[in-house]
Amino acid sequence: MNPKAYYKLTYGLYIISSKSGDKMNGYIANTAFQITAEPPQIAISCHKDNLSSSIIKDSGLFAISVLKQDVATKLIGTFGFKSGKNIDKFDSVDYKTGSTGIPIVTTDCVAWFECKLVQTVDVGSHILFIGEVVDNSLLDENQEPLTYTWYQTVKNGKAPKNSPTYQKPKELKETDSKSEFKKYECIVCNHIYDEAEGDAETGIPPGTRFEDLPDDWVCPTCGAEKADFEEVK
């Protein structure tokens, strides 16, 4: 089978958020779809290992924030590649408190939906949460929503390990010791910085040595720091 066939299914990219007690968390999802109109219901998918999975089950609530096409990569890195067990993901974003008391991310989003959980379905590695919409808002009707295709082809994005579309990266070939340039791999998300190609997204020209990157340069996929990169041997 060809795993790339799954990429032809149409996906958006969203931040799913919730709160139980004093604990807030959120994650990046590419599964969110309306299943009924009356009452309006939306289904989302969450990996069982995600902290958000237990928070949604405990609270019976979740929100969906629809990301805009030119979303900051750092936002995806924070919610998609970092764990809420270690950091407060809401510390650097704008969010509002919904009518049910849960956080709703508004940074780089075009719309949001606040939902009350009405059904859960165990689908193996993931749980399908079905919620009835209790409130929503259109933040910017002129902005295009981010699609998974755009994220992959234009932003060169990758899927987090707990994403339904995650593909284990191929084993990297050893760097030719005679090669003029080296490659460095992000230990967080497996993004490769190739000195020969540079980093167009942050204005780093081709041929820039890794050690010459600015000290504040971060992984364009997940926002990890330079110290989180290792040379590909």
Protein backbone atom coordinates (compact mmCIF):
# COMPACT_ATOMS: atom_id res chain seq x y z
CA MET A 1 0.00 0.00 0.00
CA ASN A 2 1.06 3.58 -0.62
CA PRO A 3 0.80 5.76 2.54
CA LYS A 4 0.71 8.91 0.39
CA ALA A 5 -2.78 7.90 -0.77
CA TYR A 6 -4.08 9.00 2.63
CA TYR A 7 -2.85 12.52 1.90
CA LYS A 8 -5.44 12.76 -0.89
CA LEU A 9 -8.21 12.69 1.69
CA THR A 10 -9.08 16.28 2.48
CA TYR A 11 -8.08 17.58 5.91
CA GLY A 12 -8.04 20.85 7.74
CA LEU A 13 -5.82 21.68 10.70
CA TYR A 14 -7.29 22.70 14.04
CA ILE A 15 -6.42 23.33 17.67
CA ILE A 16 -8.59 21.24 19.99
CA SER A 17 -8.69 22.61 23.54
CA SER A 18 -10.33 21.73 26.83
CA LYS A 19 -10.10 22.20 30.58
CA SER A 20 -10.69 20.02 33.62
CA GLY A 21 -10.35 21.63 37.03
CA ASP A 22 -7.34 23.96 36.82
CA LYS A 23 -5.67 22.05 33.98
CA MET A 24 -5.94 23.41 30.43
CA ASN A 25 -4.50 21.75 27.37
CA GLY A 26 -4.80 21.60 23.61
CA TYR A 27 -3.40 19.79 20.60
CA ILE A 28 -3.23 20.01 16.82
CA ALA A 29 -5.77 17.83 15.00
CA ASN A 30 -6.50 17.12 11.37
CA THR A 31 -9.76 15.36 12.17
CA ALA A 32 -12.78 17.57 12.79
CA PHE A 33 -15.94 17.23 10.76
CA GLN A 34 -19.62 18.09 11.07
CA ILE A 35 -21.82 15.00 11.23
CA THR A 36 -25.31 16.45 11.82
CA ALA A 37 -27.07 19.80 11.34
CA GLU A 38 -29.96 19.50 13.80
CA PRO A 39 -28.62 19.48 16.40
CA PRO A 40 -25.22 20.62 15.07
CA GLN A 41 -22.64 18.00 16.00
CA ILE A 42 -18.92 17.78 15.22
CA ALA A 43 -16.61 14.78 15.62
CA ILE A 44 -12.91 14.99 16.51
CA SER A 45 -10.18 12.39 17.01
CA CYS A 46 -7.63 12.28 19.83
CA HIS A 47 -4.83 9.79 20.56
CA LYS A 48 -5.37 7.93 23.83
CA ASP A 49 -1.88 8.90 25.02
CA ASN A 50 -2.59 12.63 24.66
CA LEU A 51 -3.14 14.54 27.90
CA SER A 52 -6.11 16.21 26.19
CA SER A 53 -7.85 12.86 25.84
CA SER A 54 -8.30 12.46 29.60
CA ILE A 55 -9.16 16.15 30.03
CA ILE A 56 -11.95 15.95 27.45
CA LYS A 57 -13.34 12.78 29.05
CA ASP A 58 -13.24 14.34 32.53
CA SER A 59 -14.80 17.67 31.54
CA GLY A 60 -17.16 16.49 28.80
CA LEU A 61 -16.23 19.60 26.84
CA PHE A 62 -13.95 20.63 23.97
CA ALA A 63 -13.40 23.54 21.59
CA ILE A 64 -12.23 23.56 17.98
CA SER A 65 -10.22 26.51 16.65
CA VAL A 66 -9.88 26.58 12.85
CA LEU A 67 -6.35 27.68 11.93
CA LYS A 68 -5.78 30.23 9.19
CA GLN A 69 -3.64 29.49 6.13
CA ASP A 70 -0.72 31.72 7.11
CA VAL A 71 -0.61 30.49 10.71
CA ALA A 72 2.67 30.97 12.53
CA THR A 73 4.68 27.76 12.47
CA LYS A 74 5.57 28.28 16.13
CA LEU A 75 1.89 27.92 17.07
CA ILE A 76 1.73 24.53 15.36
CA GLY A 77 5.00 23.58 17.03
CA THR A 78 3.67 24.46 20.48
CA PHE A 79 0.35 22.64 20.21
CA GLY A 80 1.45 19.86 17.87
CA PHE A 81 4.91 18.83 19.01
CA LYS A 82 5.12 19.76 22.69
CA SER A 83 3.41 18.16 25.66
CA GLY A 84 1.09 19.99 28.00
CA LYS A 85 2.56 17.81 30.75
CA ASN A 86 5.73 19.91 30.52
CA ILE A 87 4.62 23.40 29.48
CA ASP A 88 1.65 25.75 29.60
CA LYS A 89 0.67 25.88 25.93
CA PHE A 90 -1.62 28.86 26.52
CA ASP A 91 1.12 31.04 27.97
CA SER A 92 2.02 32.60 24.59
CA VAL A 93 -1.32 32.65 22.73
CA ASP A 94 -4.52 34.66 22.79
CA TYR A 95 -7.56 32.74 23.96
CA LYS A 96 -11.00 33.41 25.35
CA THR A 97 -13.01 31.58 27.96
CA GLY A 98 -16.11 30.03 26.45
CA SER A 99 -19.58 29.89 27.95
CA THR A 100 -18.75 26.46 29.40
CA GLY A 101 -15.52 27.71 30.98
CA ILE A 102 -13.07 26.05 28.59
CA PRO A 103 -10.27 27.94 26.77
CA ILE A 104 -10.75 28.72 23.07
CA VAL A 105 -7.63 29.67 21.09
CA THR A 106 -8.10 32.75 18.89
CA THR A 107 -4.51 33.42 17.74
CA ASP A 108 -4.17 32.81 13.96
CA CYS A 109 -7.68 31.32 13.76
CA VAL A 110 -10.59 32.07 11.43
CA ALA A 111 -13.41 30.47 13.45
CA TRP A 112 -14.11 28.44 16.57
CA PHE A 113 -16.70 25.99 17.90
CA GLU A 114 -17.45 25.21 21.54
CA CYS A 115 -18.86 21.73 22.08
CA LYS A 116 -20.48 19.59 24.77
CA LEU A 117 -19.45 15.93 24.59
CA VAL A 118 -22.36 13.63 23.76
CA GLN A 119 -20.66 10.40 22.68
CA THR A 120 -17.27 8.68 22.62
CA VAL A 121 -16.17 5.87 20.32
CA ASP A 122 -13.04 3.79 20.96
CA VAL A 123 -11.26 3.28 17.62
CA GLY A 124 -8.06 1.60 18.81
CA SER A 125 -5.17 4.03 19.16
CA HIS A 126 -7.57 7.00 19.13
CA ILE A 127 -10.88 8.04 20.65
CA LEU A 128 -13.56 9.64 18.51
CA PHE A 129 -15.25 12.40 20.50
CA ILE A 130 -18.63 13.62 19.23
CA GLY A 131 -19.82 16.95 20.55
CA GLU A 132 -22.89 19.13 20.17
CA VAL A 133 -22.07 22.73 19.32
CA VAL A 134 -23.20 25.11 22.06
CA ASP A 135 -21.56 28.25 20.64
CA ASN A 136 -19.34 29.37 17.77
CA SER A 137 -17.89 32.45 16.12
CA LEU A 138 -16.51 33.51 12.74
CA LEU A 139 -13.36 35.52 13.48
CA ASP A 140 -12.26 36.42 9.94
CA GLU A 141 -14.33 35.55 6.87
CA ASN A 142 -11.65 36.90 4.51
CA GLN A 143 -8.90 34.51 5.63
CA GLU A 144 -8.57 31.04 4.10
CA PRO A 145 -8.50 28.10 6.54
CA LEU A 146 -5.34 26.02 6.67
CA THR A 147 -5.54 22.67 4.90
CA TYR A 148 -3.25 19.72 5.51
CA THR A 149 -2.17 19.80 1.86
CA TRP A 150 -1.07 23.45 2.19
CA TYR A 151 0.71 22.66 5.45
CA GLN A 152 2.65 19.82 3.84
CA THR A 153 3.46 21.27 0.43
CA VAL A 154 3.88 25.00 1.14
CA LYS A 155 4.99 25.07 4.77
CA ASN A 156 6.83 21.72 4.50
CA GLY A 157 5.10 20.65 7.69
CA LYS A 158 5.18 17.25 9.36
CA ALA A 159 2.61 15.27 11.35
CA PRO A 160 3.08 14.83 15.11
CA LYS A 161 3.69 11.23 16.25
CA ASN A 162 0.17 10.87 17.70
CA SER A 163 -1.51 12.17 14.54
CA PRO A 164 -3.61 9.70 12.51
CA THR A 165 -1.55 10.63 9.44
CA TYR A 166 1.88 10.27 11.08
CA GLN A 167 4.39 8.32 9.02
CA LYS A 168 7.59 7.07 10.61
CA PRO A 169 10.49 8.85 8.91
CA LYS A 170 12.73 6.79 6.69
CA GLU A 171 16.15 5.97 8.04
CA LEU A 172 18.59 8.65 7.03
CA LYS A 173 21.60 7.77 4.97
CA GLU A 174 24.97 8.51 6.44
CA THR A 175 26.39 11.86 5.51
CA ASP A 176 29.22 11.53 3.01
CA SER A 177 32.35 12.61 4.89
CA LYS A 178 33.59 14.21 1.69
CA SER A 179 30.43 16.27 1.26
CA GLU A 180 30.83 20.00 1.56
CA PHE A 181 27.64 20.40 3.62
CA LYS A 182 26.14 18.61 6.61
CA LYS A 183 22.63 17.83 7.77
CA TYR A 184 21.18 18.21 11.25
CA GLU A 185 18.05 16.53 12.61
CA CYS A 186 15.60 17.95 15.15
CA ILE A 187 15.28 15.42 17.98
CA VAL A 188 11.74 16.67 18.68
CA CYS A 189 10.05 16.37 15.27
CA ASN A 190 12.74 14.89 12.93
CA HIS A 191 12.92 18.02 10.78
CA ILE A 192 16.17 18.11 8.79
CA TYR A 193 18.25 21.27 8.46
CA ASP A 194 20.34 20.87 5.31
CA GLU A 195 23.22 23.34 5.12
CA ALA A 196 23.13 23.11 1.34
CA GLU A 197 19.48 24.26 1.25
CA GLY A 198 19.35 26.66 4.19
CA ASP A 199 15.95 27.64 5.58
CA ALA A 200 13.89 29.75 3.19
CA GLU A 201 11.04 30.22 5.67
CA THR A 202 13.24 32.15 8.10
CA GLY A 203 15.44 33.78 5.48
CA ILE A 204 18.50 31.56 5.94
CA PRO A 205 20.26 31.34 2.55
CA PRO A 206 21.57 28.07 1.05
CA GLY A 207 25.08 27.21 2.15
CA THR A 208 24.69 28.53 5.70
CA ARG A 209 26.60 26.39 8.18
CA PHE A 210 24.61 25.16 11.15
CA GLU A 211 27.05 26.78 13.59
CA ASP A 212 26.52 30.10 11.78
CA LEU A 213 22.76 30.10 12.33
CA PRO A 214 21.56 32.87 14.67
CA ASP A 215 21.42 31.83 18.32
CA ASP A 216 17.67 32.48 18.35
CA TRP A 217 17.00 30.34 15.25
CA VAL A 218 14.43 27.62 15.93
CA CYS A 219 13.14 24.56 14.11
CA PRO A 220 10.68 25.79 11.43
CA THR A 221 8.44 22.79 12.09
CA CYS A 222 8.13 22.57 15.86
CA GLY A 223 9.95 25.59 17.29
CA ALA A 224 12.68 23.58 19.01
CA GLU A 225 15.95 25.40 19.71
CA LYS A 226 19.32 24.84 18.01
CA ALA A 227 20.41 22.74 20.97
CA ASP A 228 17.72 20.22 20.05
CA PHE A 229 19.42 19.39 16.73
CA GLU A 230 21.94 16.62 16.22
CA GLU A 231 24.29 16.14 13.28
CA VAL A 232 23.27 13.29 10.98
CA LYS A 233 26.12 10.84 11.09
